[in-house]
PDB file of N, CA and C in Angstrom:
ATOM      1  N   MET A   1     -38.814  46.028  10.428  1.00  0.00           N
ATOM      2  CA  MET A   1     -37.706  45.879  11.345  1.00  0.00           C
ATOM      3  C   MET A   1     -38.249  45.182  12.565  1.00  0.00           C
ATOM      4  N   ALA A   2     -37.420  44.168  13.042  1.00  0.00           N
ATOM      5  CA  ALA A   2     -37.886  43.370  14.155  1.00  0.00           C
ATOM      6  C   ALA A   2     -37.791  44.187  15.488  1.00  0.00           C
ATOM      7  N   THR A   3     -38.677  43.888  16.436  1.00  0.00           N
ATOM      8  CA  THR A   3     -38.677  44.476  17.779  1.00  0.00           C
ATOM      9  C   THR A   3     -37.376  43.961  18.473  1.00  0.00           C
ATOM     10  N   LYS A   4     -36.665  44.885  19.098  1.00  0.00           N
ATOM     11  CA  LYS A   4     -35.397  44.536  19.767  1.00  0.00           C
ATOM     12  C   LYS A   4     -35.675  44.439  21.332  1.00  0.00           C
ATOM     13  N   VAL A   5     -35.417  43.288  21.856  1.00  0.00           N
ATOM     14  CA  VAL A   5     -35.693  43.001  23.288  1.00  0.00           C
ATOM     15  C   VAL A   5     -34.398  42.675  23.968  1.00  0.00           C
ATOM     16  N   LEU A   6     -34.055  43.429  25.019  1.00  0.00           N
ATOM     17  CA  LEU A   6     -32.959  43.143  25.825  1.00  0.00           C
ATOM     18  C   LEU A   6     -33.441  42.361  27.044  1.00  0.00           C
ATOM     19  N   ILE A   7     -32.931  41.121  27.219  1.00  0.00           N
ATOM     20  CA  ILE A   7     -33.355  40.189  28.278  1.00  0.00           C
ATOM     21  C   ILE A   7     -32.239  40.213  29.304  1.00  0.00           C
ATOM     22  N   VAL A   8     -32.599  40.697  30.562  1.00  0.00           N
ATOM     23  CA  VAL A   8     -31.682  40.709  31.653  1.00  0.00           C
ATOM     24  C   VAL A   8     -32.060  39.773  32.659  1.00  0.00           C
ATOM     25  N   GLU A   9     -31.402  38.609  32.740  1.00  0.00           N
ATOM     26  CA  GLU A   9     -31.732  37.457  33.601  1.00  0.00           C
ATOM     27  C   GLU A   9     -30.546  36.671  33.973  1.00  0.00           C
ATOM     28  N   ASP A  10     -30.350  36.415  35.225  1.00  0.00           N
ATOM     29  CA  ASP A  10     -29.130  35.694  35.570  1.00  0.00           C
ATOM     30  C   ASP A  10     -29.324  34.142  35.649  1.00  0.00           C
ATOM     31  N   ASP A  11     -30.560  33.711  35.644  1.00  0.00           N
ATOM     32  CA  ASP A  11     -30.880  32.268  35.687  1.00  0.00           C
ATOM     33  C   ASP A  11     -30.968  31.745  34.246  1.00  0.00           C
ATOM     34  N   LEU A  12     -30.117  30.721  34.064  1.00  0.00           N
ATOM     35  CA  LEU A  12     -30.003  30.127  32.629  1.00  0.00           C
ATOM     36  C   LEU A  12     -31.384  29.606  32.130  1.00  0.00           C
ATOM     37  N   LEU A  13     -32.057  28.896  32.914  1.00  0.00           N
ATOM     38  CA  LEU A  13     -33.334  28.376  32.465  1.00  0.00           C
ATOM     39  C   LEU A  13     -34.390  29.400  32.196  1.00  0.00           C
ATOM     40  N   ASN A  14     -34.425  30.445  33.006  1.00  0.00           N
ATOM     41  CA  ASN A  14     -35.366  31.575  32.657  1.00  0.00           C
ATOM     42  C   ASN A  14     -34.921  32.257  31.382  1.00  0.00           C
ATOM     43  N   ARG A  15     -33.642  32.534  31.191  1.00  0.00           N
ATOM     44  CA  ARG A  15     -33.113  33.113  29.935  1.00  0.00           C
ATOM     45  C   ARG A  15     -33.568  32.301  28.732  1.00  0.00           C
ATOM     46  N   MET A  16     -33.408  30.996  28.876  1.00  0.00           N
ATOM     47  CA  MET A  16     -33.717  30.091  27.711  1.00  0.00           C
ATOM     48  C   MET A  16     -35.214  30.179  27.456  1.00  0.00           C
ATOM     49  N   PHE A  17     -36.054  30.259  28.467  1.00  0.00           N
ATOM     50  CA  PHE A  17     -37.492  30.394  28.295  1.00  0.00           C
ATOM     51  C   PHE A  17     -37.820  31.696  27.615  1.00  0.00           C
ATOM     52  N   TYR A  18     -37.302  32.785  28.100  1.00  0.00           N
ATOM     53  CA  TYR A  18     -37.608  34.112  27.459  1.00  0.00           C
ATOM     54  C   TYR A  18     -37.141  34.115  25.986  1.00  0.00           C
ATOM     55  N   GLU A  19     -35.927  33.524  25.804  1.00  0.00           N
ATOM     56  CA  GLU A  19     -35.379  33.482  24.440  1.00  0.00           C
ATOM     57  C   GLU A  19     -36.284  32.704  23.511  1.00  0.00           C
ATOM     58  N   ALA A  20     -36.750  31.557  23.920  1.00  0.00           N
ATOM     59  CA  ALA A  20     -37.623  30.702  23.082  1.00  0.00           C
ATOM     60  C   ALA A  20     -38.920  31.475  22.764  1.00  0.00           C
ATOM     61  N   VAL A  21     -39.504  32.101  23.737  1.00  0.00           N
ATOM     62  CA  VAL A  21     -40.828  32.781  23.533  1.00  0.00           C
ATOM     63  C   VAL A  21     -40.636  33.964  22.542  1.00  0.00           C
ATOM     64  N   PHE A  22     -39.635  34.726  22.783  1.00  0.00           N
ATOM     65  CA  PHE A  22     -39.452  35.886  21.923  1.00  0.00           C
ATOM     66  C   PHE A  22     -38.924  35.593  20.561  1.00  0.00           C
ATOM     67  N   ARG A  23     -38.144  34.577  20.426  1.00  0.00           N
ATOM     68  CA  ARG A  23     -37.673  34.137  19.093  1.00  0.00           C
ATOM     69  C   ARG A  23     -38.837  33.689  18.202  1.00  0.00           C
ATOM     70  N   GLN A  24     -39.825  32.994  18.816  1.00  0.00           N
ATOM     71  CA  GLN A  24     -41.000  32.566  18.145  1.00  0.00           C
ATOM     72  C   GLN A  24     -41.750  33.742  17.514  1.00  0.00           C
ATOM     73  N   ARG A  25     -41.638  34.933  18.087  1.00  0.00           N
ATOM     74  CA  ARG A  25     -42.251  36.105  17.655  1.00  0.00           C
ATOM     75  C   ARG A  25     -41.401  36.863  16.585  1.00  0.00           C
ATOM     76  N   GLY A  26     -40.212  36.340  16.398  1.00  0.00           N
ATOM     77  CA  GLY A  26     -39.250  36.995  15.431  1.00  0.00           C
ATOM     78  C   GLY A  26     -38.601  38.236  15.960  1.00  0.00           C
ATOM     79  N   TYR A  27     -38.489  38.316  17.286  1.00  0.00           N
ATOM     80  CA  TYR A  27     -37.764  39.486  17.904  1.00  0.00           C
ATOM     81  C   TYR A  27     -36.298  39.321  17.797  1.00  0.00           C
ATOM     82  N   GLU A  28     -35.650  40.429  17.746  1.00  0.00           N
ATOM     83  CA  GLU A  28     -34.152  40.436  17.798  1.00  0.00           C
ATOM     84  C   GLU A  28     -33.817  40.531  19.249  1.00  0.00           C
ATOM     85  N   LEU A  29     -32.867  39.661  19.718  1.00  0.00           N
ATOM     86  CA  LEU A  29     -32.594  39.586  21.120  1.00  0.00           C
ATOM     87  C   LEU A  29     -31.184  39.855  21.489  1.00  0.00           C
ATOM     88  N   MET A  30     -30.977  40.373  22.681  1.00  0.00           N
ATOM     89  CA  MET A  30     -29.647  40.414  23.335  1.00  0.00           C
ATOM     90  C   MET A  30     -29.937  39.897  24.744  1.00  0.00           C
ATOM     91  N   LEU A  31     -29.109  38.970  25.215  1.00  0.00           N
ATOM     92  CA  LEU A  31     -29.265  38.337  26.495  1.00  0.00           C
ATOM     93  C   LEU A  31     -28.070  38.767  27.396  1.00  0.00           C
ATOM     94  N   VAL A  32     -28.373  39.281  28.621  1.00  0.00           N
ATOM     95  CA  VAL A  32     -27.380  39.635  29.543  1.00  0.00           C
ATOM     96  C   VAL A  32     -27.656  38.908  30.903  1.00  0.00           C
ATOM     97  N   ASP A  33     -26.645  38.341  31.468  1.00  0.00           N
ATOM     98  CA  ASP A  33     -26.828  37.543  32.679  1.00  0.00           C
ATOM     99  C   ASP A  33     -26.219  38.279  33.922  1.00  0.00           C
ATOM    100  N   ASP A  34     -25.705  39.483  33.770  1.00  0.00           N
ATOM    101  CA  ASP A  34     -25.014  40.121  34.879  1.00  0.00           C
ATOM    102  C   ASP A  34     -25.336  41.566  34.921  1.00  0.00           C
ATOM    103  N   GLY A  35     -25.778  42.124  36.053  1.00  0.00           N
ATOM    104  CA  GLY A  35     -26.153  43.517  36.174  1.00  0.00           C
ATOM    105  C   GLY A  35     -25.085  44.414  35.793  1.00  0.00           C
ATOM    106  N   ALA A  36     -23.835  44.074  35.943  1.00  0.00           N
ATOM    107  CA  ALA A  36     -22.727  44.925  35.602  1.00  0.00           C
ATOM    108  C   ALA A  36     -22.663  45.283  34.148  1.00  0.00           C
ATOM    109  N   ARG A  37     -23.221  44.482  33.272  1.00  0.00           N
ATOM    110  CA  ARG A  37     -23.096  44.641  31.857  1.00  0.00           C
ATOM    111  C   ARG A  37     -24.388  45.283  31.177  1.00  0.00           C
ATOM    112  N   VAL A  38     -25.396  45.567  31.942  1.00  0.00           N
ATOM    113  CA  VAL A  38     -26.620  46.045  31.441  1.00  0.00           C
ATOM    114  C   VAL A  38     -26.578  47.403  30.765  1.00  0.00           C
ATOM    115  N   LEU A  39     -25.954  48.357  31.442  1.00  0.00           N
ATOM    116  CA  LEU A  39     -25.967  49.733  30.837  1.00  0.00           C
ATOM    117  C   LEU A  39     -25.271  49.763  29.530  1.00  0.00           C
ATOM    118  N   ASP A  40     -24.119  49.009  29.388  1.00  0.00           N
ATOM    119  CA  ASP A  40     -23.361  48.937  28.171  1.00  0.00           C
ATOM    120  C   ASP A  40     -24.248  48.225  27.080  1.00  0.00           C
ATOM    121  N   ALA A  41     -24.966  47.217  27.453  1.00  0.00           N
ATOM    122  CA  ALA A  41     -25.867  46.593  26.509  1.00  0.00           C
ATOM    123  C   ALA A  41     -26.979  47.492  26.042  1.00  0.00           C
ATOM    124  N   VAL A  42     -27.518  48.345  26.904  1.00  0.00           N
ATOM    125  CA  VAL A  42     -28.559  49.200  26.536  1.00  0.00           C
ATOM    126  C   VAL A  42     -28.063  50.184  25.481  1.00  0.00           C
ATOM    127  N   ASP A  43     -26.831  50.703  25.728  1.00  0.00           N
ATOM    128  CA  ASP A  43     -26.232  51.658  24.780  1.00  0.00           C
ATOM    129  C   ASP A  43     -25.853  51.047  23.445  1.00  0.00           C
ATOM    130  N   SER A  44     -25.338  49.892  23.441  1.00  0.00           N
ATOM    131  CA  SER A  44     -24.917  49.245  22.200  1.00  0.00           C
ATOM    132  C   SER A  44     -26.037  48.620  21.369  1.00  0.00           C
ATOM    133  N   PHE A  45     -27.056  48.098  22.057  1.00  0.00           N
ATOM    134  CA  PHE A  45     -28.090  47.370  21.352  1.00  0.00           C
ATOM    135  C   PHE A  45     -29.301  48.232  21.099  1.00  0.00           C
ATOM    136  N   THR A  46     -29.472  49.269  21.843  1.00  0.00           N
ATOM    137  CA  THR A  46     -30.662  50.218  21.704  1.00  0.00           C
ATOM    138  C   THR A  46     -31.957  49.457  21.590  1.00  0.00           C
ATOM    139  N   PRO A  47     -32.388  48.763  22.729  1.00  0.00           N
ATOM    140  CA  PRO A  47     -33.538  47.899  22.613  1.00  0.00           C
ATOM    141  C   PRO A  47     -34.853  48.758  22.569  1.00  0.00           C
ATOM    142  N   ASP A  48     -35.945  48.115  22.016  1.00  0.00           N
ATOM    143  CA  ASP A  48     -37.224  48.668  22.026  1.00  0.00           C
ATOM    144  C   ASP A  48     -37.908  48.476  23.422  1.00  0.00           C
ATOM    145  N   ILE A  49     -37.525  47.406  24.040  1.00  0.00           N
ATOM    146  CA  ILE A  49     -38.045  47.107  25.404  1.00  0.00           C
ATOM    147  C   ILE A  49     -37.022  46.281  26.190  1.00  0.00           C
ATOM    148  N   ILE A  50     -37.102  46.320  27.499  1.00  0.00           N
ATOM    149  CA  ILE A  50     -36.145  45.581  28.326  1.00  0.00           C
ATOM    150  C   ILE A  50     -37.010  44.701  29.284  1.00  0.00           C
ATOM    151  N   THR A  51     -36.623  43.444  29.389  1.00  0.00           N
ATOM    152  CA  THR A  51     -37.184  42.605  30.485  1.00  0.00           C
ATOM    153  C   THR A  51     -36.053  42.437  31.497  1.00  0.00           C
ATOM    154  N   MET A  52     -36.356  42.860  32.784  1.00  0.00           N
ATOM    155  CA  MET A  52     -35.329  42.980  33.781  1.00  0.00           C
ATOM    156  C   MET A  52     -35.629  42.238  34.994  1.00  0.00           C
ATOM    157  N   ASP A  53     -34.806  41.189  35.288  1.00  0.00           N
ATOM    158  CA  ASP A  53     -34.886  40.482  36.551  1.00  0.00           C
ATOM    159  C   ASP A  53     -34.437  41.505  37.630  1.00  0.00           C
ATOM    160  N   ILE A  54     -35.096  41.444  38.767  1.00  0.00           N
ATOM    161  CA  ILE A  54     -34.780  42.509  39.788  1.00  0.00           C
ATOM    162  C   ILE A  54     -33.637  42.045  40.619  1.00  0.00           C
ATOM    163  N   HIS A  55     -33.459  40.776  40.840  1.00  0.00           N
ATOM    164  CA  HIS A  55     -32.315  40.215  41.669  1.00  0.00           C
ATOM    165  C   HIS A  55     -31.225  39.721  40.824  1.00  0.00           C
ATOM    166  N   LEU A  56     -30.239  40.512  40.593  1.00  0.00           N
ATOM    167  CA  LEU A  56     -29.118  40.199  39.723  1.00  0.00           C
ATOM    168  C   LEU A  56     -27.807  40.244  40.534  1.00  0.00           C
ATOM    169  N   PRO A  57     -26.770  39.542  39.973  1.00  0.00           N
ATOM    170  CA  PRO A  57     -25.452  39.634  40.603  1.00  0.00           C
ATOM    171  C   PRO A  57     -24.880  41.018  40.306  1.00  0.00           C
ATOM    172  N   HIS A  58     -24.132  41.593  41.261  1.00  0.00           N
ATOM    173  CA  HIS A  58     -23.414  42.786  41.203  1.00  0.00           C
ATOM    174  C   HIS A  58     -24.204  44.151  41.281  1.00  0.00           C
ATOM    175  N   VAL A  59     -25.373  44.191  40.712  1.00  0.00           N
ATOM    176  CA  VAL A  59     -26.139  45.463  40.665  1.00  0.00           C
ATOM    177  C   VAL A  59     -27.592  45.026  40.790  1.00  0.00           C
ATOM    178  N   SER A  60     -28.335  45.781  41.646  1.00  0.00           N
ATOM    179  CA  SER A  60     -29.811  45.465  41.654  1.00  0.00           C
ATOM    180  C   SER A  60     -30.508  45.936  40.516  1.00  0.00           C
ATOM    181  N   GLY A  61     -31.562  45.206  40.146  1.00  0.00           N
ATOM    182  CA  GLY A  61     -32.351  45.570  38.990  1.00  0.00           C
ATOM    183  C   GLY A  61     -33.029  46.946  39.273  1.00  0.00           C
ATOM    184  N   ARG A  62     -33.438  47.187  40.490  1.00  0.00           N
ATOM    185  CA  ARG A  62     -34.094  48.552  40.713  1.00  0.00           C
ATOM    186  C   ARG A  62     -33.126  49.672  40.456  1.00  0.00           C
ATOM    187  N   LYS A  63     -31.863  49.478  40.842  1.00  0.00           N
ATOM    188  CA  LYS A  63     -30.874  50.519  40.559  1.00  0.00           C
ATOM    189  C   LYS A  63     -30.637  50.714  39.035  1.00  0.00           C
ATOM    190  N   LEU A  64     -30.627  49.680  38.378  1.00  0.00           N
ATOM    191  CA  LEU A  64     -30.466  49.740  36.891  1.00  0.00           C
ATOM    192  C   LEU A  64     -31.700  50.414  36.268  1.00  0.00           C
ATOM    193  N   ILE A  65     -32.850  50.123  36.703  1.00  0.00           N
ATOM    194  CA  ILE A  65     -34.050  50.755  36.185  1.00  0.00           C
ATOM    195  C   ILE A  65     -33.932  52.258  36.415  1.00  0.00           C
ATOM    196  N   ARG A  66     -33.564  52.625  37.568  1.00  0.00           N
ATOM    197  CA  ARG A  66     -33.481  54.099  37.913  1.00  0.00           C
ATOM    198  C   ARG A  66     -32.457  54.748  36.971  1.00  0.00           C
ATOM    199  N   GLU A  67     -31.304  54.108  36.757  1.00  0.00           N
ATOM    200  CA  GLU A  67     -30.291  54.663  35.889  1.00  0.00           C
ATOM    201  C   GLU A  67     -30.741  54.822  34.494  1.00  0.00           C
ATOM    202  N   ILE A  68     -31.444  53.820  33.968  1.00  0.00           N
ATOM    203  CA  ILE A  68     -31.923  53.858  32.589  1.00  0.00           C
ATOM    204  C   ILE A  68     -32.901  54.954  32.491  1.00  0.00           C
ATOM    205  N   LYS A  69     -33.803  55.088  33.446  1.00  0.00           N
ATOM    206  CA  LYS A  69     -34.858  56.108  33.368  1.00  0.00           C
ATOM    207  C   LYS A  69     -34.355  57.546  33.593  1.00  0.00           C
ATOM    208  N   ARG A  70     -33.228  57.673  34.261  1.00  0.00           N
ATOM    209  CA  ARG A  70     -32.574  59.031  34.443  1.00  0.00           C
ATOM    210  C   ARG A  70     -31.902  59.533  33.188  1.00  0.00           C
ATOM    211  N   ASN A  71     -31.460  58.632  32.341  1.00  0.00           N
ATOM    212  CA  ASN A  71     -30.691  59.008  31.163  1.00  0.00           C
ATOM    213  C   ASN A  71     -31.624  59.426  30.032  1.00  0.00           C
ATOM    214  N   PRO A  72     -31.507  60.722  29.576  1.00  0.00           N
ATOM    215  CA  PRO A  72     -32.370  61.155  28.471  1.00  0.00           C
ATOM    216  C   PRO A  72     -32.298  60.313  27.226  1.00  0.00           C
ATOM    217  N   GLN A  73     -31.207  59.663  26.987  1.00  0.00           N
ATOM    218  CA  GLN A  73     -31.030  58.824  25.768  1.00  0.00           C
ATOM    219  C   GLN A  73     -31.846  57.502  25.843  1.00  0.00           C
ATOM    220  N   THR A  74     -32.121  57.086  27.155  1.00  0.00           N
ATOM    221  CA  THR A  74     -32.736  55.757  27.333  1.00  0.00           C
ATOM    222  C   THR A  74     -34.066  55.773  28.108  1.00  0.00           C
ATOM    223  N   GLN A  75     -34.435  56.938  28.596  1.00  0.00           N
ATOM    224  CA  GLN A  75     -35.618  56.981  29.515  1.00  0.00           C
ATOM    225  C   GLN A  75     -36.902  56.590  28.837  1.00  0.00           C
ATOM    226  N   HIS A  76     -36.907  56.652  27.507  1.00  0.00           N
ATOM    227  CA  HIS A  76     -38.156  56.297  26.747  1.00  0.00           C
ATOM    228  C   HIS A  76     -38.321  54.709  26.676  1.00  0.00           C
ATOM    229  N   ILE A  77     -37.336  53.974  27.013  1.00  0.00           N
ATOM    230  CA  ILE A  77     -37.397  52.562  26.766  1.00  0.00           C
ATOM    231  C   ILE A  77     -38.274  51.916  27.860  1.00  0.00           C
ATOM    232  N   PRO A  78     -39.306  51.193  27.432  1.00  0.00           N
ATOM    233  CA  PRO A  78     -40.186  50.535  28.529  1.00  0.00           C
ATOM    234  C   PRO A  78     -39.410  49.374  29.153  1.00  0.00           C
ATOM    235  N   ILE A  79     -39.640  49.190  30.429  1.00  0.00           N
ATOM    236  CA  ILE A  79     -38.985  48.154  31.196  1.00  0.00           C
ATOM    237  C   ILE A  79     -40.051  47.349  31.943  1.00  0.00           C
ATOM    238  N   LEU A  80     -39.912  45.966  31.651  1.00  0.00           N
ATOM    239  CA  LEU A  80     -40.776  45.022  32.344  1.00  0.00           C
ATOM    240  C   LEU A  80     -39.967  44.389  33.389  1.00  0.00           C
ATOM    241  N   ALA A  81     -40.274  44.665  34.703  1.00  0.00           N
ATOM    242  CA  ALA A  81     -39.529  44.050  35.822  1.00  0.00           C
ATOM    243  C   ALA A  81     -40.134  42.677  36.108  1.00  0.00           C
ATOM    244  N   ILE A  82     -39.255  41.734  36.385  1.00  0.00           N
ATOM    245  CA  ILE A  82     -39.672  40.374  36.698  1.00  0.00           C
ATOM    246  C   ILE A  82     -38.970  39.951  37.969  1.00  0.00           C
ATOM    247  N   THR A  83     -39.678  39.410  38.910  1.00  0.00           N
ATOM    248  CA  THR A  83     -39.066  39.039  40.172  1.00  0.00           C
ATOM    249  C   THR A  83     -39.717  37.757  40.761  1.00  0.00           C
ATOM    250  N   ALA A  84     -38.974  36.994  41.484  1.00  0.00           N
ATOM    251  CA  ALA A  84     -39.482  35.874  42.220  1.00  0.00           C
ATOM    252  C   ALA A  84     -39.965  36.218  43.649  1.00  0.00           C
ATOM    253  N   TYR A  85     -39.688  37.478  43.999  1.00  0.00           N
ATOM    254  CA  TYR A  85     -40.101  37.945  45.359  1.00  0.00           C
ATOM    255  C   TYR A  85     -41.148  38.973  45.257  1.00  0.00           C
ATOM    256  N   ALA A  86     -42.389  38.521  45.065  1.00  0.00           N
ATOM    257  CA  ALA A  86     -43.461  39.319  44.785  1.00  0.00           C
ATOM    258  C   ALA A  86     -44.321  39.742  45.962  1.00  0.00           C
ATOM    259  N   GLY A  87     -44.217  41.027  46.340  1.00  0.00           N
ATOM    260  CA  GLY A  87     -45.065  41.533  47.446  1.00  0.00           C
ATOM    261  C   GLY A  87     -45.532  42.926  46.978  1.00  0.00           C
ATOM    262  N   LYS A  88     -46.632  43.390  47.504  1.00  0.00           N
ATOM    263  CA  LYS A  88     -47.206  44.603  47.144  1.00  0.00           C
ATOM    264  C   LYS A  88     -46.220  45.776  47.243  1.00  0.00           C
ATOM    265  N   ARG A  89     -45.502  45.766  48.378  1.00  0.00           N
ATOM    266  CA  ARG A  89     -44.479  46.817  48.530  1.00  0.00           C
ATOM    267  C   ARG A  89     -43.345  46.827  47.528  1.00  0.00           C
ATOM    268  N   ASP A  90     -42.978  45.520  47.181  1.00  0.00           N
ATOM    269  CA  ASP A  90     -42.001  45.328  46.185  1.00  0.00           C
ATOM    270  C   ASP A  90     -42.393  45.920  44.864  1.00  0.00           C
ATOM    271  N   GLU A  91     -43.610  45.573  44.448  1.00  0.00           N
ATOM    272  CA  GLU A  91     -44.191  46.080  43.163  1.00  0.00           C
ATOM    273  C   GLU A  91     -44.185  47.618  43.165  1.00  0.00           C
ATOM    274  N   GLU A  92     -44.686  48.228  44.237  1.00  0.00           N
ATOM    275  CA  GLU A  92     -44.721  49.719  44.293  1.00  0.00           C
ATOM    276  C   GLU A  92     -43.382  50.313  44.151  1.00  0.00           C
ATOM    277  N   GLY A  93     -42.371  49.709  44.824  1.00  0.00           N
ATOM    278  CA  GLY A  93     -40.971  50.268  44.780  1.00  0.00           C
ATOM    279  C   GLY A  93     -40.393  50.125  43.346  1.00  0.00           C
ATOM    280  N   ILE A  94     -40.716  49.030  42.790  1.00  0.00           N
ATOM    281  CA  ILE A  94     -40.130  48.763  41.401  1.00  0.00           C
ATOM    282  C   ILE A  94     -40.844  49.701  40.392  1.00  0.00           C
ATOM    283  N   ARG A  95     -42.068  49.952  40.535  1.00  0.00           N
ATOM    284  CA  ARG A  95     -42.770  50.881  39.665  1.00  0.00           C
ATOM    285  C   ARG A  95     -42.258  52.275  39.854  1.00  0.00           C
ATOM    286  N   ARG A  96     -42.020  52.621  41.157  1.00  0.00           N
ATOM    287  CA  ARG A  96     -41.504  54.007  41.451  1.00  0.00           C
ATOM    288  C   ARG A  96     -40.114  54.186  40.831  1.00  0.00           C
ATOM    289  N   ALA A  97     -39.377  53.090  40.800  1.00  0.00           N
ATOM    290  CA  ALA A  97     -38.050  53.205  40.156  1.00  0.00           C
ATOM    291  C   ALA A  97     -38.162  53.454  38.659  1.00  0.00           C
ATOM    292  N   GLY A  98     -39.269  53.105  38.025  1.00  0.00           N
ATOM    293  CA  GLY A  98     -39.422  53.453  36.602  1.00  0.00           C
ATOM    294  C   GLY A  98     -39.924  52.316  35.757  1.00  0.00           C
ATOM    295  N   ALA A  99     -40.124  51.083  36.258  1.00  0.00           N
ATOM    296  CA  ALA A  99     -40.609  49.987  35.456  1.00  0.00           C
ATOM    297  C   ALA A  99     -42.099  50.239  35.074  1.00  0.00           C
ATOM    298  N   GLY A 100     -42.323  50.034  33.830  1.00  0.00           N
ATOM    299  CA  GLY A 100     -43.738  50.242  33.248  1.00  0.00           C
ATOM    300  C   GLY A 100     -44.582  49.032  33.540  1.00  0.00           C
ATOM    301  N   GLY A 101     -43.965  47.854  33.644  1.00  0.00           N
ATOM    302  CA  GLY A 101     -44.702  46.606  33.917  1.00  0.00           C
ATOM    303  C   GLY A 101     -44.009  45.812  34.981  1.00  0.00           C
ATOM    304  N   TYR A 102     -44.724  44.853  35.539  1.00  0.00           N
ATOM    305  CA  TYR A 102     -44.249  44.077  36.667  1.00  0.00           C
ATOM    306  C   TYR A 102     -44.906  42.679  36.538  1.00  0.00           C
ATOM    307  N   LEU A 103     -44.072  41.660  36.644  1.00  0.00           N
ATOM    308  CA  LEU A 103     -44.468  40.310  36.732  1.00  0.00           C
ATOM    309  C   LEU A 103     -43.832  39.553  37.784  1.00  0.00           C
ATOM    310  N   ALA A 104     -44.593  38.619  38.494  1.00  0.00           N
ATOM    311  CA  ALA A 104     -43.967  37.742  39.489  1.00  0.00           C
ATOM    312  C   ALA A 104     -43.746  36.331  38.912  1.00  0.00           C
ATOM    313  N   LYS A 105     -42.545  35.768  39.232  1.00  0.00           N
ATOM    314  CA  LYS A 105     -42.339  34.396  38.794  1.00  0.00           C
ATOM    315  C   LYS A 105     -42.989  33.464  39.750  1.00  0.00           C
ATOM    316  N   PRO A 106     -43.454  32.299  39.289  1.00  0.00           N
ATOM    317  CA  PRO A 106     -43.385  31.860  37.899  1.00  0.00           C
ATOM    318  C   PRO A 106     -44.438  32.639  37.083  1.00  0.00           C
ATOM    319  N   LEU A 107     -44.089  32.734  35.851  1.00  0.00           N
ATOM    320  CA  LEU A 107     -45.057  33.431  34.937  1.00  0.00           C
ATOM    321  C   LEU A 107     -45.361  32.562  33.733  1.00  0.00           C
ATOM    322  N   SER A 108     -46.460  32.919  33.092  1.00  0.00           N
ATOM    323  CA  SER A 108     -46.930  32.168  31.948  1.00  0.00           C
ATOM    324  C   SER A 108     -46.490  32.908  30.695  1.00  0.00           C
ATOM    325  N   ILE A 109     -46.463  32.232  29.560  1.00  0.00           N
ATOM    326  CA  ILE A 109     -46.147  32.796  28.263  1.00  0.00           C
ATOM    327  C   ILE A 109     -47.168  33.912  28.019  1.00  0.00           C
ATOM    328  N   GLU A 110     -48.405  33.662  28.271  1.00  0.00           N
ATOM    329  CA  GLU A 110     -49.466  34.625  28.007  1.00  0.00           C
ATOM    330  C   GLU A 110     -49.275  35.931  28.808  1.00  0.00           C
ATOM    331  N   SER A 111     -48.901  35.765  30.025  1.00  0.00           N
ATOM    332  CA  SER A 111     -48.721  37.022  30.865  1.00  0.00           C
ATOM    333  C   SER A 111     -47.496  37.800  30.439  1.00  0.00           C
ATOM    334  N   LEU A 112     -46.415  37.082  30.079  1.00  0.00           N
ATOM    335  CA  LEU A 112     -45.255  37.690  29.565  1.00  0.00           C
ATOM    336  C   LEU A 112     -45.482  38.457  28.310  1.00  0.00           C
ATOM    337  N   LEU A 113     -46.070  37.799  27.309  1.00  0.00           N
ATOM    338  CA  LEU A 113     -46.383  38.443  26.053  1.00  0.00           C
ATOM    339  C   LEU A 113     -47.415  39.581  26.191  1.00  0.00           C
ATOM    340  N   GLY A 114     -48.435  39.356  27.073  1.00  0.00           N
ATOM    341  CA  GLY A 114     -49.397  40.448  27.280  1.00  0.00           C
ATOM    342  C   GLY A 114     -48.790  41.677  27.841  1.00  0.00           C
ATOM    343  N   GLU A 115     -47.876  41.558  28.809  1.00  0.00           N
ATOM    344  CA  GLU A 115     -47.129  42.741  29.361  1.00  0.00           C
ATOM    345  C   GLU A 115     -46.241  43.379  28.329  1.00  0.00           C
ATOM    346  N   VAL A 116     -45.551  42.597  27.600  1.00  0.00           N
ATOM    347  CA  VAL A 116     -44.672  43.154  26.564  1.00  0.00           C
ATOM    348  C   VAL A 116     -45.481  43.912  25.540  1.00  0.00           C
ATOM    349  N   ASP A 117     -46.575  43.322  25.066  1.00  0.00           N
ATOM    350  CA  ASP A 117     -47.403  43.932  24.089  1.00  0.00           C
ATOM    351  C   ASP A 117     -47.952  45.236  24.549  1.00  0.00           C
ATOM    352  N   ALA A 118     -48.444  45.291  25.835  1.00  0.00           N
ATOM    353  CA  ALA A 118     -49.004  46.491  26.466  1.00  0.00           C
ATOM    354  C   ALA A 118     -47.970  47.560  26.513  1.00  0.00           C
ATOM    355  N   LEU A 119     -46.736  47.237  26.883  1.00  0.00           N
ATOM    356  CA  LEU A 119     -45.695  48.194  26.981  1.00  0.00           C
ATOM    357  C   LEU A 119     -45.267  48.768  25.705  1.00  0.00           C
ATOM    358  N   LEU A 120     -45.159  47.879  24.721  1.00  0.00           N
ATOM    359  CA  LEU A 120     -44.854  48.290  23.321  1.00  0.00           C
ATOM    360  C   LEU A 120     -45.977  49.135  22.727  1.00  0.00           C
ATOM    361  N   GLU A 121     -47.103  48.801  22.894  1.00  0.00           N
ATOM    362  CA  GLU A 121     -48.268  49.620  22.448  1.00  0.00           C
ATOM    363  C   GLU A 121     -48.271  51.040  23.076  1.00  0.00           C
ATOM    364  N   GLY A 122     -47.933  51.015  24.368  1.00  0.00           N
ATOM    365  CA  GLY A 122     -47.895  52.300  25.084  1.00  0.00           C
ATOM    366  C   GLY A 122     -46.801  53.225  24.538  1.00  0.00           C
ATOM    367  N   GLN A 123     -45.704  52.684  24.028  1.00  0.00           N
ATOM    368  CA  GLN A 123     -44.690  53.456  23.378  1.00  0.00           C
ATOM    369  C   GLN A 123     -45.120  54.052  22.059  1.00  0.00           C
ATOM    370  N   LYS A 124     -45.947  53.336  21.343  1.00  0.00           N
ATOM    371  CA  LYS A 124     -46.431  53.833  20.047  1.00  0.00           C
ATOM    372  C   LYS A 124     -47.380  55.008  20.212  1.00  0.00           C
ATOM    373  N   VAL A 125     -48.043  55.142  21.317  1.00  0.00           N
ATOM    374  CA  VAL A 125     -48.914  56.208  21.575  1.00  0.00           C
ATOM    375  C   VAL A 125     -48.255  57.504  21.777  1.00  0.00           C
ATOM    376  N   HIS A 126     -47.053  57.430  22.456  1.00  0.00           N
ATOM    377  CA  HIS A 126     -46.345  58.652  22.789  1.00  0.00           C
ATOM    378  C   HIS A 126     -45.631  59.272  21.707  1.00  0.00           C
TER     379      HIS A 126
END
């Protein structure tokens, strides 16, 4: 069964980049471009991992991460937070919200896949 990845990203070019990278790996994808639709997508798609842009229209990525991690049905899903605004305090706050991984844009294919692999491997251990 293919790994299911929920990609949450409002920028079209970034969404296309993530989609191309993950499709090459044979992952099953759902793409969401609006923070208001994320929680419904998590419920309907039941992803194995979520990549979450932090700066989204309508709802902040941090708020969504907290909501996903508070829900007993979804708290086990690893979340990779991705942001263009990378500062040490930002990373700490995002990790406190519940993100298991953190990447700053621009990012490389290698760093993206490395973080995703590490988060998925961590899930297999638990």
